[in-house]
Amino acid sequence: MSRRLPCLALGLMLAAPAAVAAEPPRGVAEVASATFVLGCAAHVGALDKLHDRLQPGGDLYLPRLPEAAAKPFLQGRPGEAYIRDEAGVTLALVPSDDQCAVFVRRVAANAINAQVEKDLKAAVGRYFTVQPGGRDTKGALTSRFIDLVPTQTYREELLKKHGREPSGLRVIVTTSESANPDLQAIITIGLREP
C-alpha cells in the first residue's frame, strides 16, 4: 500500500474509542460492527499493531482459530483468523496483502449495513465524512460501499504532508441471506479509487 495509507489510518486510530469491557453488545450486528471498526478500520495500514492488540492480554484480545479452521477465511493466503464465537464473528488478517476483514455467520443485511455506518460516523466523524458510495448486486450478493472522505481540516493536513490529494477509504459490506447459510456478511476496508 502507499505511504498515504498509514496517515489515513492515523485519523481512524485517533478516533476509535478504546475497547471497554462493559456490557456486551445487544446483537450480532453490533458485535460485528464493533469488531470491524475497532479492529480493521482503526488499524488500516497498521495491521501489526492490531495483531499485537488481539493477543492474550491485549485490549482487543480474541481467541485465534487453529490453522485448519482459519483457512476458509484466508482463502489460501498466509495470515491469521480470530473469533468471537458467541456472535459468529471472525476477524481475518492477511498481512502480506495488508488486508483485514470481518466475516459474520448470521446477520440481517439491513441491520449490519445500518450498524456499520452508524459506528463509523461515531468513531471517525471528526476526521472523515462518512457517505454512501453506492451498491452493486451480483446474483445473491449485494455489496454496499461506504466512502470515508477526509474532512477539510484533515484533508489539508494530508495534502500538506504528501503534496497530493488524498483518496480516502472505502468500506465494503457484502451481504447475502441466501448464498451461504453459514456466512451472511463480509466487511472490508481499503483505499478508495478516485
Protein backbone atom coordinates (compact mmCIF):
# COMPACT_ATOMS: atom_id res chain seq x y z
CA MET A 1 0.00 0.00 0.00
CA SER A 2 1.10 3.55 -0.43
CA ARG A 3 2.64 5.76 2.22
CA ARG A 4 -0.66 7.67 2.42
CA LEU A 5 -2.43 4.72 4.00
CA PRO A 6 -0.74 4.98 7.43
CA CYS A 7 -1.61 8.69 7.56
CA LEU A 8 -5.24 8.00 6.72
CA ALA A 9 -5.17 5.29 9.35
CA LEU A 10 -3.92 7.80 11.92
CA GLY A 11 -7.27 9.57 11.82
CA LEU A 12 -9.06 6.27 12.28
CA MET A 13 -6.77 5.20 15.14
CA LEU A 14 -7.15 8.53 16.91
CA ALA A 15 -10.90 8.47 16.52
CA ALA A 16 -11.53 4.86 17.56
CA PRO A 17 -12.55 4.57 21.19
CA ALA A 18 -10.59 2.20 23.41
CA ALA A 19 -12.19 -1.20 23.90
CA VAL A 20 -14.23 -1.23 27.08
CA ALA A 21 -15.21 -4.38 28.95
CA ALA A 22 -18.70 -3.01 29.70
CA GLU A 23 -21.94 -4.81 28.99
CA PRO A 24 -21.83 -6.97 25.86
CA PRO A 25 -23.36 -5.64 22.64
CA ARG A 26 -27.05 -6.44 22.22
CA GLY A 27 -26.87 -8.09 18.84
CA VAL A 28 -24.70 -9.74 16.26
CA ALA A 29 -24.70 -6.62 14.04
CA GLU A 30 -23.32 -4.58 16.96
CA VAL A 31 -20.63 -7.17 17.76
CA ALA A 32 -19.60 -7.47 14.10
CA SER A 33 -19.54 -3.72 13.54
CA ALA A 34 -17.57 -3.04 16.74
CA THR A 35 -15.07 -5.76 15.79
CA PHE A 36 -14.67 -4.19 12.36
CA VAL A 37 -14.45 -0.54 13.48
CA LEU A 38 -12.12 -1.13 16.46
CA GLY A 39 -10.11 -3.74 14.55
CA CYS A 40 -9.89 -3.37 10.78
CA ALA A 41 -10.94 0.26 10.33
CA ALA A 42 -8.87 1.57 13.24
CA HIS A 43 -5.75 -0.22 12.01
CA VAL A 44 -5.70 0.40 8.25
CA GLY A 45 -2.02 0.32 7.29
CA ALA A 46 -1.05 -0.81 10.81
CA LEU A 47 -2.07 -4.47 10.98
CA ASP A 48 1.00 -5.26 13.08
CA LYS A 49 -0.47 -3.10 15.87
CA LEU A 50 -3.85 -4.82 15.51
CA HIS A 51 -2.12 -8.20 15.66
CA ASP A 52 -0.48 -7.22 18.96
CA ARG A 53 -3.77 -5.96 20.43
CA LEU A 54 -5.53 -9.24 19.51
CA GLN A 55 -3.05 -11.38 21.51
CA PRO A 56 -3.73 -12.66 25.06
CA GLY A 57 -3.51 -9.69 27.41
CA GLY A 58 -4.21 -7.22 24.59
CA ASP A 59 -7.15 -4.85 24.90
CA LEU A 60 -8.82 -6.30 21.78
CA TYR A 61 -8.00 -9.94 22.62
CA LEU A 62 -9.85 -12.57 20.62
CA PRO A 63 -9.10 -16.31 20.54
CA ARG A 64 -7.08 -17.31 17.49
CA LEU A 65 -8.52 -20.01 15.25
CA PRO A 66 -6.36 -23.06 14.57
CA GLU A 67 -4.74 -23.02 11.13
CA ALA A 68 -7.17 -25.55 9.62
CA ALA A 69 -10.23 -23.63 10.84
CA ALA A 70 -8.76 -20.31 9.63
CA LYS A 71 -8.18 -21.49 6.02
CA PRO A 72 -11.65 -20.62 4.64
CA PHE A 73 -11.30 -17.03 5.91
CA LEU A 74 -7.77 -16.61 4.49
CA GLN A 75 -8.52 -18.08 1.03
CA GLY A 76 -5.14 -19.80 0.74
CA ARG A 77 -3.10 -16.78 1.81
CA PRO A 78 -0.85 -16.67 4.86
CA GLY A 79 -2.50 -14.99 7.80
CA GLU A 80 -4.48 -15.47 10.97
CA ALA A 81 -8.13 -15.54 11.99
CA TYR A 82 -9.64 -14.63 15.34
CA ILE A 83 -13.14 -15.50 16.50
CA ARG A 84 -15.97 -14.14 18.63
CA ASP A 85 -17.68 -17.50 18.62
CA GLU A 86 -20.70 -16.46 20.70
CA ALA A 87 -21.67 -14.00 17.96
CA GLY A 88 -20.46 -15.94 14.92
CA VAL A 89 -17.97 -13.19 14.04
CA THR A 90 -14.47 -13.86 12.66
CA LEU A 91 -11.74 -11.27 12.04
CA ALA A 92 -9.15 -12.31 9.42
CA LEU A 93 -5.73 -10.71 8.95
CA VAL A 94 -3.70 -11.14 5.76
CA PRO A 95 -0.56 -9.05 6.40
CA SER A 96 1.09 -9.73 3.02
CA ASP A 97 -1.89 -8.07 1.27
CA ASP A 98 -2.41 -5.52 4.08
CA GLN A 99 -5.98 -6.81 4.40
CA CYS A 100 -8.34 -7.17 7.32
CA ALA A 101 -11.90 -8.44 7.04
CA VAL A 102 -14.74 -9.37 9.36
CA PHE A 103 -16.94 -12.34 8.48
CA VAL A 104 -20.39 -12.72 10.03
CA ARG A 105 -22.13 -16.08 10.17
CA ARG A 106 -25.73 -14.90 10.56
CA VAL A 107 -26.97 -11.32 10.44
CA ALA A 108 -29.71 -9.39 8.64
CA ALA A 109 -28.36 -7.26 5.78
CA ASN A 110 -30.21 -4.10 6.81
CA ALA A 111 -29.02 -4.45 10.43
CA ILE A 112 -25.32 -4.83 9.59
CA ASN A 113 -25.38 -2.05 6.98
CA ALA A 114 -27.04 0.42 9.36
CA GLN A 115 -24.79 -0.51 12.29
CA VAL A 116 -21.52 -0.20 10.35
CA GLU A 117 -22.48 3.23 9.02
CA LYS A 118 -23.58 4.41 12.47
CA ASP A 119 -20.41 3.15 14.18
CA LEU A 120 -18.13 4.64 11.53
CA LYS A 121 -19.78 8.04 11.93
CA ALA A 122 -19.35 7.87 15.71
CA ALA A 123 -15.73 6.67 15.53
CA VAL A 124 -14.27 8.72 12.69
CA GLY A 125 -16.74 11.53 12.01
CA ARG A 126 -14.24 14.14 13.19
CA TYR A 127 -11.66 13.13 10.57
CA PHE A 128 -13.80 11.71 7.76
CA THR A 129 -17.12 12.39 6.12
CA VAL A 130 -18.94 9.04 6.07
CA GLN A 131 -21.07 8.89 2.93
CA PRO A 132 -22.86 6.29 0.82
CA GLY A 133 -20.74 5.19 -2.12
CA GLY A 134 -23.29 3.08 -3.98
CA ARG A 135 -24.34 -0.55 -4.30
CA ASP A 136 -23.52 -3.47 -6.53
CA THR A 137 -25.59 -6.63 -6.84
CA LYS A 138 -24.31 -9.87 -8.36
CA GLY A 139 -26.72 -12.74 -8.03
CA ALA A 140 -27.49 -13.30 -4.35
CA LEU A 141 -24.68 -10.96 -3.21
CA THR A 142 -25.17 -7.27 -2.53
CA SER A 143 -22.19 -5.01 -1.82
CA ARG A 144 -22.80 -1.65 -0.21
CA PHE A 145 -19.98 0.89 -0.39
CA ILE A 146 -19.38 3.47 2.34
CA ASP A 147 -16.79 6.11 1.50
CA LEU A 148 -14.65 7.79 4.13
CA VAL A 149 -13.57 11.12 2.70
CA PRO A 150 -11.10 13.21 4.73
CA THR A 151 -12.78 16.28 6.24
CA GLN A 152 -11.50 19.67 5.13
CA THR A 153 -9.07 20.10 8.04
CA TYR A 154 -7.77 16.53 7.87
CA ARG A 155 -7.61 16.72 4.06
CA GLU A 156 -5.44 19.83 4.33
CA GLU A 157 -3.10 18.03 6.75
CA LEU A 158 -2.74 15.09 4.37
CA LEU A 159 -2.31 17.36 1.35
CA LYS A 160 0.39 19.34 3.12
CA LYS A 161 2.18 16.20 4.26
CA HIS A 162 2.03 14.30 0.96
CA GLY A 163 1.63 17.03 -1.65
CA ARG A 164 -1.28 15.34 -3.43
CA GLU A 165 -5.00 14.87 -3.00
CA PRO A 166 -5.80 12.04 -0.55
CA SER A 167 -8.03 9.34 -1.99
CA GLY A 168 -9.86 8.44 1.21
CA LEU A 169 -11.04 4.99 2.19
CA ARG A 170 -13.87 2.69 1.14
CA VAL A 171 -15.69 0.24 3.38
CA ILE A 172 -17.48 -2.59 1.59
CA VAL A 173 -20.25 -4.51 3.34
CA THR A 174 -21.13 -7.57 1.24
CA THR A 175 -24.25 -9.41 2.32
CA SER A 176 -26.37 -12.35 1.27
CA GLU A 177 -29.05 -14.09 3.22
CA SER A 178 -29.24 -16.97 0.74
CA ALA A 179 -25.86 -17.58 -0.98
CA ASN A 180 -24.34 -19.36 2.03
CA PRO A 181 -26.39 -20.04 5.15
CA ASP A 182 -23.23 -20.04 7.29
CA LEU A 183 -21.82 -16.74 6.00
CA GLN A 184 -24.13 -13.79 5.53
CA ALA A 185 -21.78 -10.77 5.61
CA ILE A 186 -18.19 -9.76 4.94
CA ILE A 187 -16.89 -6.30 5.85
CA THR A 188 -13.64 -4.94 4.36
CA ILE A 189 -11.79 -1.61 4.08
CA GLY A 190 -9.21 -0.25 1.63
CA LEU A 191 -8.16 2.80 -0.34
CA ARG A 192 -10.95 4.43 -2.33
CA GLU A 193 -10.24 4.65 -6.05
CA PRO A 194 -10.50 8.23 -7.35
